[in-house]
PDB file of N, CA and C in Angstrom:
ATOM      1  N   MET A   1       7.163  -7.483 -21.718  1.00  0.00           N
ATOM      2  CA  MET A   1       6.943  -7.141 -20.006  1.00  0.00           C
ATOM      3  C   MET A   1       7.938  -6.422 -19.623  1.00  0.00           C
ATOM      4  N   SER A   2       7.890  -5.375 -18.909  1.00  0.00           N
ATOM      5  CA  SER A   2       8.802  -4.390 -18.353  1.00  0.00           C
ATOM      6  C   SER A   2       9.640  -5.270 -17.123  1.00  0.00           C
ATOM      7  N   LEU A   3      10.593  -4.814 -16.596  1.00  0.00           N
ATOM      8  CA  LEU A   3      11.272  -5.298 -15.452  1.00  0.00           C
ATOM      9  C   LEU A   3      10.336  -4.784 -14.089  1.00  0.00           C
ATOM     10  N   ILE A   4       9.961  -3.732 -14.194  1.00  0.00           N
ATOM     11  CA  ILE A   4       8.787  -3.374 -12.996  1.00  0.00           C
ATOM     12  C   ILE A   4       7.633  -4.329 -13.062  1.00  0.00           C
ATOM     13  N   GLU A   5       6.900  -4.621 -14.309  1.00  0.00           N
ATOM     14  CA  GLU A   5       5.882  -5.509 -14.364  1.00  0.00           C
ATOM     15  C   GLU A   5       6.346  -7.012 -13.829  1.00  0.00           C
ATOM     16  N   ALA A   6       7.629  -7.399 -14.295  1.00  0.00           N
ATOM     17  CA  ALA A   6       8.188  -8.786 -13.929  1.00  0.00           C
ATOM     18  C   ALA A   6       8.244  -8.735 -12.444  1.00  0.00           C
ATOM     19  N   MET A   7       8.517  -7.792 -11.702  1.00  0.00           N
ATOM     20  CA  MET A   7       8.610  -7.635 -10.439  1.00  0.00           C
ATOM     21  C   MET A   7       7.266  -7.695  -9.560  1.00  0.00           C
ATOM     22  N   MET A   8       6.247  -7.555 -10.256  1.00  0.00           N
ATOM     23  CA  MET A   8       5.039  -7.493  -9.592  1.00  0.00           C
ATOM     24  C   MET A   8       4.595  -8.586  -8.815  1.00  0.00           C
ATOM     25  N   VAL A   9       4.130  -8.606  -7.458  1.00  0.00           N
ATOM     26  CA  VAL A   9       3.651  -9.677  -6.529  1.00  0.00           C
ATOM     27  C   VAL A   9       2.081  -9.631  -6.386  1.00  0.00           C
ATOM     28  N   PRO A  10       1.458 -10.547  -5.857  1.00  0.00           N
ATOM     29  CA  PRO A  10       0.103 -10.920  -5.642  1.00  0.00           C
ATOM     30  C   PRO A  10       0.058  -9.903  -4.313  1.00  0.00           C
ATOM     31  N   CYS A  11      -1.216  -9.248  -4.083  1.00  0.00           N
ATOM     32  CA  CYS A  11      -1.551  -8.688  -2.882  1.00  0.00           C
ATOM     33  C   CYS A  11      -3.040  -8.647  -3.001  1.00  0.00           C
ATOM     34  N   LEU A  12      -3.553  -8.217  -1.627  1.00  0.00           N
ATOM     35  CA  LEU A  12      -4.912  -8.205  -1.584  1.00  0.00           C
ATOM     36  C   LEU A  12      -5.139  -6.759  -0.740  1.00  0.00           C
ATOM     37  N   ARG A  13      -6.251  -6.098  -1.352  1.00  0.00           N
ATOM     38  CA  ARG A  13      -6.603  -4.949  -0.460  1.00  0.00           C
ATOM     39  C   ARG A  13      -7.501  -5.188   0.519  1.00  0.00           C
ATOM     40  N   PHE A  14      -7.381  -4.741   1.567  1.00  0.00           N
ATOM     41  CA  PHE A  14      -8.303  -5.001   2.832  1.00  0.00           C
ATOM     42  C   PHE A  14      -9.246  -3.611   3.208  1.00  0.00           C
ATOM     43  N   GLU A  15     -10.413  -3.934   3.449  1.00  0.00           N
ATOM     44  CA  GLU A  15     -11.231  -3.111   3.936  1.00  0.00           C
ATOM     45  C   GLU A  15     -11.930  -3.319   5.358  1.00  0.00           C
ATOM     46  N   GLN A  16     -12.086  -2.458   6.214  1.00  0.00           N
ATOM     47  CA  GLN A  16     -12.688  -2.409   7.309  1.00  0.00           C
ATOM     48  C   GLN A  16     -14.154  -2.242   7.326  1.00  0.00           C
ATOM     49  N   SER A  17     -14.707  -3.307   8.042  1.00  0.00           N
ATOM     50  CA  SER A  17     -16.107  -3.288   7.966  1.00  0.00           C
ATOM     51  C   SER A  17     -16.482  -2.890   9.475  1.00  0.00           C
ATOM     52  N   ALA A  18     -17.642  -2.306   9.855  1.00  0.00           N
ATOM     53  CA  ALA A  18     -17.937  -1.797  11.111  1.00  0.00           C
ATOM     54  C   ALA A  18     -19.738  -2.081  11.126  1.00  0.00           C
ATOM     55  N   ALA A  19     -19.848  -2.568  12.307  1.00  0.00           N
ATOM     56  CA  ALA A  19     -21.420  -2.656  12.522  1.00  0.00           C
ATOM     57  C   ALA A  19     -21.760  -2.208  14.003  1.00  0.00           C
ATOM     58  N   ALA A  20     -22.855  -2.287  14.193  1.00  0.00           N
ATOM     59  CA  ALA A  20     -23.417  -1.640  15.672  1.00  0.00           C
ATOM     60  C   ALA A  20     -22.867  -2.855  16.739  1.00  0.00           C
ATOM     61  N   ASP A  21     -22.173  -2.536  17.815  1.00  0.00           N
ATOM     62  CA  ASP A  21     -21.719  -3.593  18.876  1.00  0.00           C
ATOM     63  C   ASP A  21     -22.847  -3.796  19.819  1.00  0.00           C
ATOM     64  N   GLY A  22     -24.002  -3.276  19.602  1.00  0.00           N
ATOM     65  CA  GLY A  22     -24.914  -3.582  20.950  1.00  0.00           C
ATOM     66  C   GLY A  22     -25.075  -2.566  21.971  1.00  0.00           C
ATOM     67  N   VAL A  23     -23.751  -1.722  22.201  1.00  0.00           N
ATOM     68  CA  VAL A  23     -23.475  -0.993  23.225  1.00  0.00           C
ATOM     69  C   VAL A  23     -23.290   0.620  22.609  1.00  0.00           C
ATOM     70  N   LEU A  24     -24.061   0.996  22.030  1.00  0.00           N
ATOM     71  CA  LEU A  24     -24.021   2.216  21.392  1.00  0.00           C
ATOM     72  C   LEU A  24     -22.699   2.599  20.886  1.00  0.00           C
ATOM     73  N   GLY A  25     -21.983   1.504  20.513  1.00  0.00           N
ATOM     74  CA  GLY A  25     -20.647   1.903  19.668  1.00  0.00           C
ATOM     75  C   GLY A  25     -20.698   0.810  18.345  1.00  0.00           C
ATOM     76  N   ARG A  26     -19.290   1.080  17.801  1.00  0.00           N
ATOM     77  CA  ARG A  26     -19.227   0.178  16.584  1.00  0.00           C
ATOM     78  C   ARG A  26     -18.051  -0.605  16.683  1.00  0.00           C
ATOM     79  N   ALA A  27     -18.224  -1.947  16.202  1.00  0.00           N
ATOM     80  CA  ALA A  27     -17.086  -2.814  16.069  1.00  0.00           C
ATOM     81  C   ALA A  27     -16.759  -3.297  14.668  1.00  0.00           C
ATOM     82  N   GLY A  28     -15.584  -3.864  14.377  1.00  0.00           N
ATOM     83  CA  GLY A  28     -15.466  -4.072  13.168  1.00  0.00           C
ATOM     84  C   GLY A  28     -14.235  -4.765  12.789  1.00  0.00           C
ATOM     85  N   GLY A  29     -14.117  -5.356  11.916  1.00  0.00           N
ATOM     86  CA  GLY A  29     -12.997  -6.238  11.597  1.00  0.00           C
ATOM     87  C   GLY A  29     -12.229  -5.888  10.180  1.00  0.00           C
ATOM     88  N   TRP A  30     -11.293  -6.345   9.879  1.00  0.00           N
ATOM     89  CA  TRP A  30     -10.510  -6.075   8.638  1.00  0.00           C
ATOM     90  C   TRP A  30     -10.738  -7.274   7.672  1.00  0.00           C
ATOM     91  N   HIS A  31     -10.825  -7.122   6.444  1.00  0.00           N
ATOM     92  CA  HIS A  31     -11.180  -8.438   5.538  1.00  0.00           C
ATOM     93  C   HIS A  31     -10.815  -8.021   4.282  1.00  0.00           C
ATOM     94  N   PRO A  32     -10.288  -9.153   3.415  1.00  0.00           N
ATOM     95  CA  PRO A  32      -9.431  -8.914   1.991  1.00  0.00           C
ATOM     96  C   PRO A  32     -10.732  -8.618   1.116  1.00  0.00           C
ATOM     97  N   THR A  33     -10.272  -7.684   0.358  1.00  0.00           N
ATOM     98  CA  THR A  33     -11.480  -7.555  -0.982  1.00  0.00           C
ATOM     99  C   THR A  33     -10.812  -7.685  -2.350  1.00  0.00           C
ATOM    100  N   VAL A  34     -10.024  -7.002  -2.589  1.00  0.00           N
ATOM    101  CA  VAL A  34      -9.483  -6.886  -4.284  1.00  0.00           C
ATOM    102  C   VAL A  34      -8.087  -7.393  -4.470  1.00  0.00           C
ATOM    103  N   PRO A  35      -7.945  -8.452  -5.131  1.00  0.00           N
ATOM    104  CA  PRO A  35      -6.555  -9.098  -5.191  1.00  0.00           C
ATOM    105  C   PRO A  35      -6.129  -8.136  -6.398  1.00  0.00           C
ATOM    106  N   PHE A  36      -4.812  -7.737  -6.345  1.00  0.00           N
ATOM    107  CA  PHE A  36      -4.009  -7.044  -7.375  1.00  0.00           C
ATOM    108  C   PHE A  36      -2.810  -7.343  -7.450  1.00  0.00           C
ATOM    109  N   LYS A  37      -1.860  -6.912  -8.046  1.00  0.00           N
ATOM    110  CA  LYS A  37      -0.343  -7.096  -8.363  1.00  0.00           C
ATOM    111  C   LYS A  37       0.446  -5.930  -8.181  1.00  0.00           C
ATOM    112  N   ALA A  38       1.357  -5.703  -7.328  1.00  0.00           N
ATOM    113  CA  ALA A  38       2.141  -4.626  -7.278  1.00  0.00           C
ATOM    114  C   ALA A  38       3.833  -5.128  -7.104  1.00  0.00           C
ATOM    115  N   THR A  39       4.283  -3.743  -7.539  1.00  0.00           N
ATOM    116  CA  THR A  39       5.873  -3.967  -7.213  1.00  0.00           C
ATOM    117  C   THR A  39       6.301  -3.196  -6.078  1.00  0.00           C
ATOM    118  N   ILE A  40       6.839  -3.887  -4.770  1.00  0.00           N
ATOM    119  CA  ILE A  40       6.953  -3.197  -3.727  1.00  0.00           C
ATOM    120  C   ILE A  40       8.373  -2.843  -3.564  1.00  0.00           C
ATOM    121  N   ILE A  41       8.857  -1.659  -3.458  1.00  0.00           N
ATOM    122  CA  ILE A  41      10.304  -1.194  -3.508  1.00  0.00           C
ATOM    123  C   ILE A  41      10.636  -0.519  -2.010  1.00  0.00           C
ATOM    124  N   LYS A  42      11.332  -0.995  -1.268  1.00  0.00           N
ATOM    125  CA  LYS A  42      11.767  -0.181   0.091  1.00  0.00           C
ATOM    126  C   LYS A  42      12.559   1.063  -0.431  1.00  0.00           C
ATOM    127  N   ASN A  43      12.257   2.173   0.286  1.00  0.00           N
ATOM    128  CA  ASN A  43      12.848   3.408   0.201  1.00  0.00           C
ATOM    129  C   ASN A  43      14.267   3.108   1.129  1.00  0.00           C
ATOM    130  N   ALA A  44      15.023   3.823   0.305  1.00  0.00           N
ATOM    131  CA  ALA A  44      16.315   3.791   1.139  1.00  0.00           C
ATOM    132  C   ALA A  44      16.510   5.079   1.947  1.00  0.00           C
ATOM    133  N   MET A  45      17.259   4.919   3.077  1.00  0.00           N
ATOM    134  CA  MET A  45      17.385   5.967   4.233  1.00  0.00           C
ATOM    135  C   MET A  45      18.947   6.122   4.733  1.00  0.00           C
ATOM    136  N   ASN A  46      19.525   7.063   4.439  1.00  0.00           N
ATOM    137  CA  ASN A  46      21.080   6.887   4.675  1.00  0.00           C
ATOM    138  C   ASN A  46      21.206   7.091   6.233  1.00  0.00           C
ATOM    139  N   GLU A  47      22.349   6.942   6.813  1.00  0.00           N
ATOM    140  CA  GLU A  47      22.241   7.117   8.313  1.00  0.00           C
ATOM    141  C   GLU A  47      22.231   8.450   8.981  1.00  0.00           C
ATOM    142  N   GLU A  48      22.525   9.294   8.196  1.00  0.00           N
ATOM    143  CA  GLU A  48      22.248  10.766   8.574  1.00  0.00           C
ATOM    144  C   GLU A  48      20.843  11.024   8.886  1.00  0.00           C
ATOM    145  N   GLN A  49      20.044  10.452   7.731  1.00  0.00           N
ATOM    146  CA  GLN A  49      18.389  10.873   7.445  1.00  0.00           C
ATOM    147  C   GLN A  49      18.093   9.830   8.974  1.00  0.00           C
ATOM    148  N   ARG A  50      18.543   8.895   9.241  1.00  0.00           N
ATOM    149  CA  ARG A  50      18.033   7.835  10.174  1.00  0.00           C
ATOM    150  C   ARG A  50      18.469   8.481  11.686  1.00  0.00           C
ATOM    151  N   ALA A  51      19.244   9.199  11.682  1.00  0.00           N
ATOM    152  CA  ALA A  51      19.825   9.830  12.951  1.00  0.00           C
ATOM    153  C   ALA A  51      18.872  11.106  13.341  1.00  0.00           C
ATOM    154  N   GLU A  52      18.602  11.877  12.113  1.00  0.00           N
ATOM    155  CA  GLU A  52      17.760  13.176  12.337  1.00  0.00           C
ATOM    156  C   GLU A  52      16.523  12.766  12.557  1.00  0.00           C
ATOM    157  N   GLN A  53      15.854  11.752  12.093  1.00  0.00           N
ATOM    158  CA  GLN A  53      14.579  11.354  12.169  1.00  0.00           C
ATOM    159  C   GLN A  53      14.382   9.762  12.951  1.00  0.00           C
ATOM    160  N   PRO A  54      14.712   9.498  13.989  1.00  0.00           N
ATOM    161  CA  PRO A  54      14.510   8.105  14.375  1.00  0.00           C
ATOM    162  C   PRO A  54      13.467   7.448  14.520  1.00  0.00           C
ATOM    163  N   ALA A  55      11.995   8.341  14.714  1.00  0.00           N
ATOM    164  CA  ALA A  55      10.858   7.889  14.648  1.00  0.00           C
ATOM    165  C   ALA A  55      10.163   7.611  13.369  1.00  0.00           C
ATOM    166  N   VAL A  56      10.815   7.881  12.275  1.00  0.00           N
ATOM    167  CA  VAL A  56      10.441   7.827  10.852  1.00  0.00           C
ATOM    168  C   VAL A  56      10.280   6.133  10.470  1.00  0.00           C
ATOM    169  N   LYS A  57       9.124   6.013  10.144  1.00  0.00           N
ATOM    170  CA  LYS A  57       9.005   4.597   9.681  1.00  0.00           C
ATOM    171  C   LYS A  57       9.443   4.129   8.335  1.00  0.00           C
ATOM    172  N   GLU A  58       9.584   2.869   8.292  1.00  0.00           N
ATOM    173  CA  GLU A  58      10.073   2.356   6.818  1.00  0.00           C
ATOM    174  C   GLU A  58       9.035   2.873   5.684  1.00  0.00           C
ATOM    175  N   THR A  59       9.670   3.422   4.731  1.00  0.00           N
ATOM    176  CA  THR A  59       8.784   3.665   3.583  1.00  0.00           C
ATOM    177  C   THR A  59       8.888   2.945   2.420  1.00  0.00           C
ATOM    178  N   PHE A  60       7.703   2.588   1.593  1.00  0.00           N
ATOM    179  CA  PHE A  60       8.049   1.997   0.410  1.00  0.00           C
ATOM    180  C   PHE A  60       7.311   2.604  -0.752  1.00  0.00           C
ATOM    181  N   THR A  61       7.794   2.336  -1.963  1.00  0.00           N
ATOM    182  CA  THR A  61       7.155   2.817  -3.197  1.00  0.00           C
ATOM    183  C   THR A  61       6.385   1.526  -3.712  1.00  0.00           C
ATOM    184  N   ILE A  62       5.122   1.714  -4.041  1.00  0.00           N
ATOM    185  CA  ILE A  62       4.142   1.051  -4.608  1.00  0.00           C
ATOM    186  C   ILE A  62       3.962   1.323  -6.112  1.00  0.00           C
ATOM    187  N   VAL A  63       4.156   0.206  -6.754  1.00  0.00           N
ATOM    188  CA  VAL A  63       3.821   0.492  -8.230  1.00  0.00           C
ATOM    189  C   VAL A  63       2.968  -0.361  -8.780  1.00  0.00           C
ATOM    190  N   VAL A  64       1.770   0.114  -9.261  1.00  0.00           N
ATOM    191  CA  VAL A  64       0.761  -0.802  -9.653  1.00  0.00           C
ATOM    192  C   VAL A  64       0.253  -0.219 -10.850  1.00  0.00           C
ATOM    193  N   GLN A  65      -0.440  -1.215 -11.819  1.00  0.00           N
ATOM    194  CA  GLN A  65      -0.936  -1.003 -13.210  1.00  0.00           C
ATOM    195  C   GLN A  65      -1.826   0.087 -13.329  1.00  0.00           C
ATOM    196  N   LYS A  66      -1.499   1.023 -14.245  1.00  0.00           N
ATOM    197  CA  LYS A  66      -2.207   2.131 -14.380  1.00  0.00           C
ATOM    198  C   LYS A  66      -3.746   1.903 -14.535  1.00  0.00           C
ATOM    199  N   GLY A  67      -4.371   2.818 -13.717  1.00  0.00           N
ATOM    200  CA  GLY A  67      -5.725   2.576 -13.697  1.00  0.00           C
ATOM    201  C   GLY A  67      -6.185   1.783 -12.462  1.00  0.00           C
ATOM    202  N   PHE A  68      -5.265   1.023 -11.690  1.00  0.00           N
ATOM    203  CA  PHE A  68      -5.820   0.368 -10.465  1.00  0.00           C
ATOM    204  C   PHE A  68      -5.644   1.521  -9.245  1.00  0.00           C
ATOM    205  N   ARG A  69      -6.332   1.828  -8.657  1.00  0.00           N
ATOM    206  CA  ARG A  69      -6.349   3.163  -7.755  1.00  0.00           C
ATOM    207  C   ARG A  69      -6.032   2.734  -6.067  1.00  0.00           C
ATOM    208  N   LEU A  70      -4.927   3.255  -5.872  1.00  0.00           N
ATOM    209  CA  LEU A  70      -4.792   3.087  -4.378  1.00  0.00           C
ATOM    210  C   LEU A  70      -4.734   4.436  -3.985  1.00  0.00           C
ATOM    211  N   THR A  71      -5.344   4.560  -2.816  1.00  0.00           N
ATOM    212  CA  THR A  71      -5.661   5.939  -2.081  1.00  0.00           C
ATOM    213  C   THR A  71      -5.008   6.052  -0.923  1.00  0.00           C
ATOM    214  N   TYR A  72      -5.000   7.332  -0.219  1.00  0.00           N
ATOM    215  CA  TYR A  72      -4.445   7.405   1.273  1.00  0.00           C
ATOM    216  C   TYR A  72      -5.455   6.543   2.134  1.00  0.00           C
ATOM    217  N   LYS A  73      -4.713   6.032   3.144  1.00  0.00           N
ATOM    218  CA  LYS A  73      -5.241   5.121   4.051  1.00  0.00           C
ATOM    219  C   LYS A  73      -5.682   3.630   3.720  1.00  0.00           C
ATOM    220  N   ASP A  74      -5.422   3.685   2.348  1.00  0.00           N
ATOM    221  CA  ASP A  74      -5.872   2.260   1.890  1.00  0.00           C
ATOM    222  C   ASP A  74      -4.842   1.499   2.498  1.00  0.00           C
ATOM    223  N   VAL A  75      -5.382  -0.016   2.836  1.00  0.00           N
ATOM    224  CA  VAL A  75      -4.430  -0.928   3.558  1.00  0.00           C
ATOM    225  C   VAL A  75      -4.674  -2.054   2.409  1.00  0.00           C
ATOM    226  N   PHE A  76      -3.484  -2.724   2.353  1.00  0.00           N
ATOM    227  CA  PHE A  76      -3.317  -4.015   1.593  1.00  0.00           C
ATOM    228  C   PHE A  76      -2.106  -4.889   1.988  1.00  0.00           C
ATOM    229  N   GLN A  77      -2.140  -6.075   1.560  1.00  0.00           N
ATOM    230  CA  GLN A  77      -1.442  -7.200   2.231  1.00  0.00           C
ATOM    231  C   GLN A  77      -0.625  -7.837   1.239  1.00  0.00           C
ATOM    232  N   ARG A  78       0.879  -8.105   1.290  1.00  0.00           N
ATOM    233  CA  ARG A  78       1.574  -8.680   0.120  1.00  0.00           C
ATOM    234  C   ARG A  78       1.183 -10.224   0.732  1.00  0.00           C
ATOM    235  N   GLN A  79       0.811 -10.912  -0.504  1.00  0.00           N
ATOM    236  CA  GLN A  79       0.301 -12.499   0.033  1.00  0.00           C
ATOM    237  C   GLN A  79       1.461 -13.232   0.118  1.00  0.00           C
ATOM    238  N   SER A  80       3.104 -13.006  -0.173  1.00  0.00           N
ATOM    239  CA  SER A  80       3.809 -13.948   0.156  1.00  0.00           C
ATOM    240  C   SER A  80       4.263 -14.151   1.592  1.00  0.00           C
ATOM    241  N   ASP A  81       4.328 -13.075   2.184  1.00  0.00           N
ATOM    242  CA  ASP A  81       4.594 -12.911   3.561  1.00  0.00           C
ATOM    243  C   ASP A  81       3.699 -12.401   4.463  1.00  0.00           C
ATOM    244  N   GLY A  82       2.455 -11.785   4.312  1.00  0.00           N
ATOM    245  CA  GLY A  82       1.388 -11.341   4.797  1.00  0.00           C
ATOM    246  C   GLY A  82       1.712 -10.133   5.259  1.00  0.00           C
ATOM    247  N   GLN A  83       2.598  -9.431   4.796  1.00  0.00           N
ATOM    248  CA  GLN A  83       2.946  -8.046   5.581  1.00  0.00           C
ATOM    249  C   GLN A  83       1.838  -6.971   5.121  1.00  0.00           C
ATOM    250  N   LEU A  84       1.623  -6.281   6.131  1.00  0.00           N
ATOM    251  CA  LEU A  84       0.529  -5.323   5.610  1.00  0.00           C
ATOM    252  C   LEU A  84       1.022  -3.831   5.669  1.00  0.00           C
ATOM    253  N   PHE A  85       0.470  -3.201   4.585  1.00  0.00           N
ATOM    254  CA  PHE A  85       0.871  -1.719   4.180  1.00  0.00           C
ATOM    255  C   PHE A  85      -0.010  -0.981   4.194  1.00  0.00           C
ATOM    256  N   ILE A  86      -0.071   0.252   4.694  1.00  0.00           N
ATOM    257  CA  ILE A  86      -0.807   1.520   4.687  1.00  0.00           C
ATOM    258  C   ILE A  86      -0.366   2.408   3.703  1.00  0.00           C
ATOM    259  N   VAL A  87      -1.176   2.865   2.759  1.00  0.00           N
ATOM    260  CA  VAL A  87      -1.050   4.089   1.812  1.00  0.00           C
ATOM    261  C   VAL A  87      -0.881   5.297   2.297  1.00  0.00           C
ATOM    262  N   THR A  88       0.156   6.072   1.982  1.00  0.00           N
ATOM    263  CA  THR A  88       0.290   7.312   2.301  1.00  0.00           C
ATOM    264  C   THR A  88       0.187   8.413   1.128  1.00  0.00           C
ATOM    265  N   GLY A  89      -0.390   8.158   0.132  1.00  0.00           N
ATOM    266  CA  GLY A  89      -0.379   9.016  -1.004  1.00  0.00           C
ATOM    267  C   GLY A  89      -1.588   8.606  -1.772  1.00  0.00           C
ATOM    268  N   ASN A  90      -1.637   8.823  -3.225  1.00  0.00           N
ATOM    269  CA  ASN A  90      -2.772   8.339  -4.081  1.00  0.00           C
ATOM    270  C   ASN A  90      -1.996   8.238  -5.491  1.00  0.00           C
ATOM    271  N   SER A  91      -2.456   7.101  -5.829  1.00  0.00           N
ATOM    272  CA  SER A  91      -1.728   6.552  -7.226  1.00  0.00           C
ATOM    273  C   SER A  91      -2.290   7.680  -8.533  1.00  0.00           C
ATOM    274  N   LEU A  92      -3.272   8.322  -8.263  1.00  0.00           N
ATOM    275  CA  LEU A  92      -3.567   9.040  -9.219  1.00  0.00           C
ATOM    276  C   LEU A  92      -2.756  10.317  -9.560  1.00  0.00           C
ATOM    277  N   ASP A  93      -1.991  10.381  -8.443  1.00  0.00           N
ATOM    278  CA  ASP A  93      -1.112  11.751  -8.535  1.00  0.00           C
ATOM    279  C   ASP A  93       0.256  11.454  -9.149  1.00  0.00           C
ATOM    280  N   SER A  94       0.615  10.242  -9.515  1.00  0.00           N
ATOM    281  CA  SER A  94       1.734   9.586 -10.174  1.00  0.00           C
ATOM    282  C   SER A  94       1.754   8.672 -11.257  1.00  0.00           C
ATOM    283  N   GLU A  95       0.469   8.865 -12.030  1.00  0.00           N
ATOM    284  CA  GLU A  95       0.499   7.735 -13.071  1.00  0.00           C
ATOM    285  C   GLU A  95       1.083   8.306 -14.233  1.00  0.00           C
ATOM    286  N   ALA A  96       1.840   7.402 -15.215  1.00  0.00           N
ATOM    287  CA  ALA A  96       2.770   7.623 -16.328  1.00  0.00           C
ATOM    288  C   ALA A  96       1.743   8.200 -17.279  1.00  0.00           C
ATOM    289  N   PRO A  97       2.249   9.189 -18.165  1.00  0.00           N
ATOM    290  CA  PRO A  97       1.505   9.563 -19.270  1.00  0.00           C
ATOM    291  C   PRO A  97       0.865   8.794 -20.207  1.00  0.00           C
ATOM    292  N   GLU A  98       0.110   9.160 -20.939  1.00  0.00           N
ATOM    293  CA  GLU A  98      -0.679   8.185 -22.189  1.00  0.00           C
ATOM    294  C   GLU A  98       0.402   7.728 -22.982  1.00  0.00           C
ATOM    295  N   ALA A  99       1.262   8.586 -23.319  1.00  0.00           N
ATOM    296  CA  ALA A  99       2.231   8.436 -24.321  1.00  0.00           C
ATOM    297  C   ALA A  99       3.134   7.216 -23.986  1.00  0.00           C
ATOM    298  N   SER A 100       3.308   7.200 -22.569  1.00  0.00           N
ATOM    299  CA  SER A 100       4.347   6.254 -22.151  1.00  0.00           C
ATOM    300  C   SER A 100       3.990   4.828 -22.584  1.00  0.00           C
ATOM    301  N   THR A 101       4.983   3.915 -22.574  1.00  0.00           N
ATOM    302  CA  THR A 101       5.025   2.436 -22.834  1.00  0.00           C
ATOM    303  C   THR A 101       4.848   1.795 -21.736  1.00  0.00           C
ATOM    304  N   ILE A 102       5.148   2.166 -20.639  1.00  0.00           N
ATOM    305  CA  ILE A 102       4.873   1.556 -19.469  1.00  0.00           C
ATOM    306  C   ILE A 102       3.685   2.287 -18.807  1.00  0.00           C
ATOM    307  N   GLN A 103       2.652   1.523 -18.523  1.00  0.00           N
ATOM    308  CA  GLN A 103       1.327   1.792 -18.079  1.00  0.00           C
ATOM    309  C   GLN A 103       1.410   1.888 -16.385  1.00  0.00           C
ATOM    310  N   ILE A 104       1.767   2.371 -15.547  1.00  0.00           N
ATOM    311  CA  ILE A 104       1.814   2.172 -14.253  1.00  0.00           C
ATOM    312  C   ILE A 104       1.529   3.549 -13.320  1.00  0.00           C
ATOM    313  N   GLY A 105       1.158   3.238 -12.189  1.00  0.00           N
ATOM    314  CA  GLY A 105       0.905   4.450 -11.223  1.00  0.00           C
ATOM    315  C   GLY A 105       1.568   4.057 -10.177  1.00  0.00           C
ATOM    316  N   LYS A 106       2.131   5.074  -9.373  1.00  0.00           N
ATOM    317  CA  LYS A 106       3.086   4.703  -8.095  1.00  0.00           C
ATOM    318  C   LYS A 106       2.483   5.445  -6.884  1.00  0.00           C
ATOM    319  N   VAL A 107       2.592   4.822  -5.659  1.00  0.00           N
ATOM    320  CA  VAL A 107       2.174   5.631  -4.516  1.00  0.00           C
ATOM    321  C   VAL A 107       3.180   5.212  -3.335  1.00  0.00           C
ATOM    322  N   THR A 108       3.104   5.729  -2.169  1.00  0.00           N
ATOM    323  CA  THR A 108       4.293   5.515  -1.247  1.00  0.00           C
ATOM    324  C   THR A 108       3.222   4.810   0.095  1.00  0.00           C
ATOM    325  N   ALA A 109       3.842   4.087   0.696  1.00  0.00           N
ATOM    326  CA  ALA A 109       3.321   3.400   1.850  1.00  0.00           C
ATOM    327  C   ALA A 109       4.148   3.083   2.847  1.00  0.00           C
ATOM    328  N   GLU A 110       3.729   2.666   4.135  1.00  0.00           N
ATOM    329  CA  GLU A 110       4.356   2.486   5.441  1.00  0.00           C
ATOM    330  C   GLU A 110       4.041   0.993   5.644  1.00  0.00           C
ATOM    331  N   ARG A 111       4.910   0.410   6.365  1.00  0.00           N
ATOM    332  CA  ARG A 111       4.600  -0.996   6.963  1.00  0.00           C
ATOM    333  C   ARG A 111       3.497  -0.557   7.918  1.00  0.00           C
ATOM    334  N   TRP A 112       2.814  -1.791   8.316  1.00  0.00           N
ATOM    335  CA  TRP A 112       1.518  -1.378   8.959  1.00  0.00           C
ATOM    336  C   TRP A 112       1.103  -2.769   9.780  1.00  0.00           C
ATOM    337  N   GLU A 113       0.475  -2.447  10.864  1.00  0.00           N
ATOM    338  CA  GLU A 113      -0.159  -3.593  11.682  1.00  0.00           C
ATOM    339  C   GLU A 113      -1.608  -3.566  12.075  1.00  0.00           C
ATOM    340  N   LEU A 114      -2.563  -4.351  11.946  1.00  0.00           N
ATOM    341  CA  LEU A 114      -3.920  -4.190  12.223  1.00  0.00           C
ATOM    342  C   LEU A 114      -3.855  -3.782  13.791  1.00  0.00           C
ATOM    343  N   PRO A 115      -4.830  -2.456  13.973  1.00  0.00           N
ATOM    344  CA  PRO A 115      -5.013  -2.296  15.463  1.00  0.00           C
ATOM    345  C   PRO A 115      -5.720  -3.329  16.302  1.00  0.00           C
ATOM    346  N   ASP A 116      -5.187  -3.347  17.543  1.00  0.00           N
ATOM    347  CA  ASP A 116      -5.722  -4.241  18.576  1.00  0.00           C
ATOM    348  C   ASP A 116      -7.311  -3.833  18.594  1.00  0.00           C
ATOM    349  N   ALA A 117      -8.150  -4.801  18.516  1.00  0.00           N
ATOM    350  CA  ALA A 117      -9.442  -4.648  18.783  1.00  0.00           C
ATOM    351  C   ALA A 117      -9.948  -4.640  20.166  1.00  0.00           C
TER     352      ALA A 117
END
């Protein structure tokens, strides 16, 4: 087992459900669907970058087992503290090659909160 794999924590992917609200609109909620494990690493920003881009959100590198797909706008929750993240990339774009001994994919994400309903 690699260090990256040993750092993986339980997570849950969330999906949004939508149904007619009876007033020609749609209402929905978020519900957990798929459990998986991921390593969540906060990306560092130096003071100069932070000063130039004060509105930039905290970003994270998310490492998952190769073959598990996280795609743009997927939402997931770290189970240990309930923190939600929204994916800003695609894990297929950064998978390890077949010859690699570590079979992982990685993607970027930001902290996220459920929108007010």
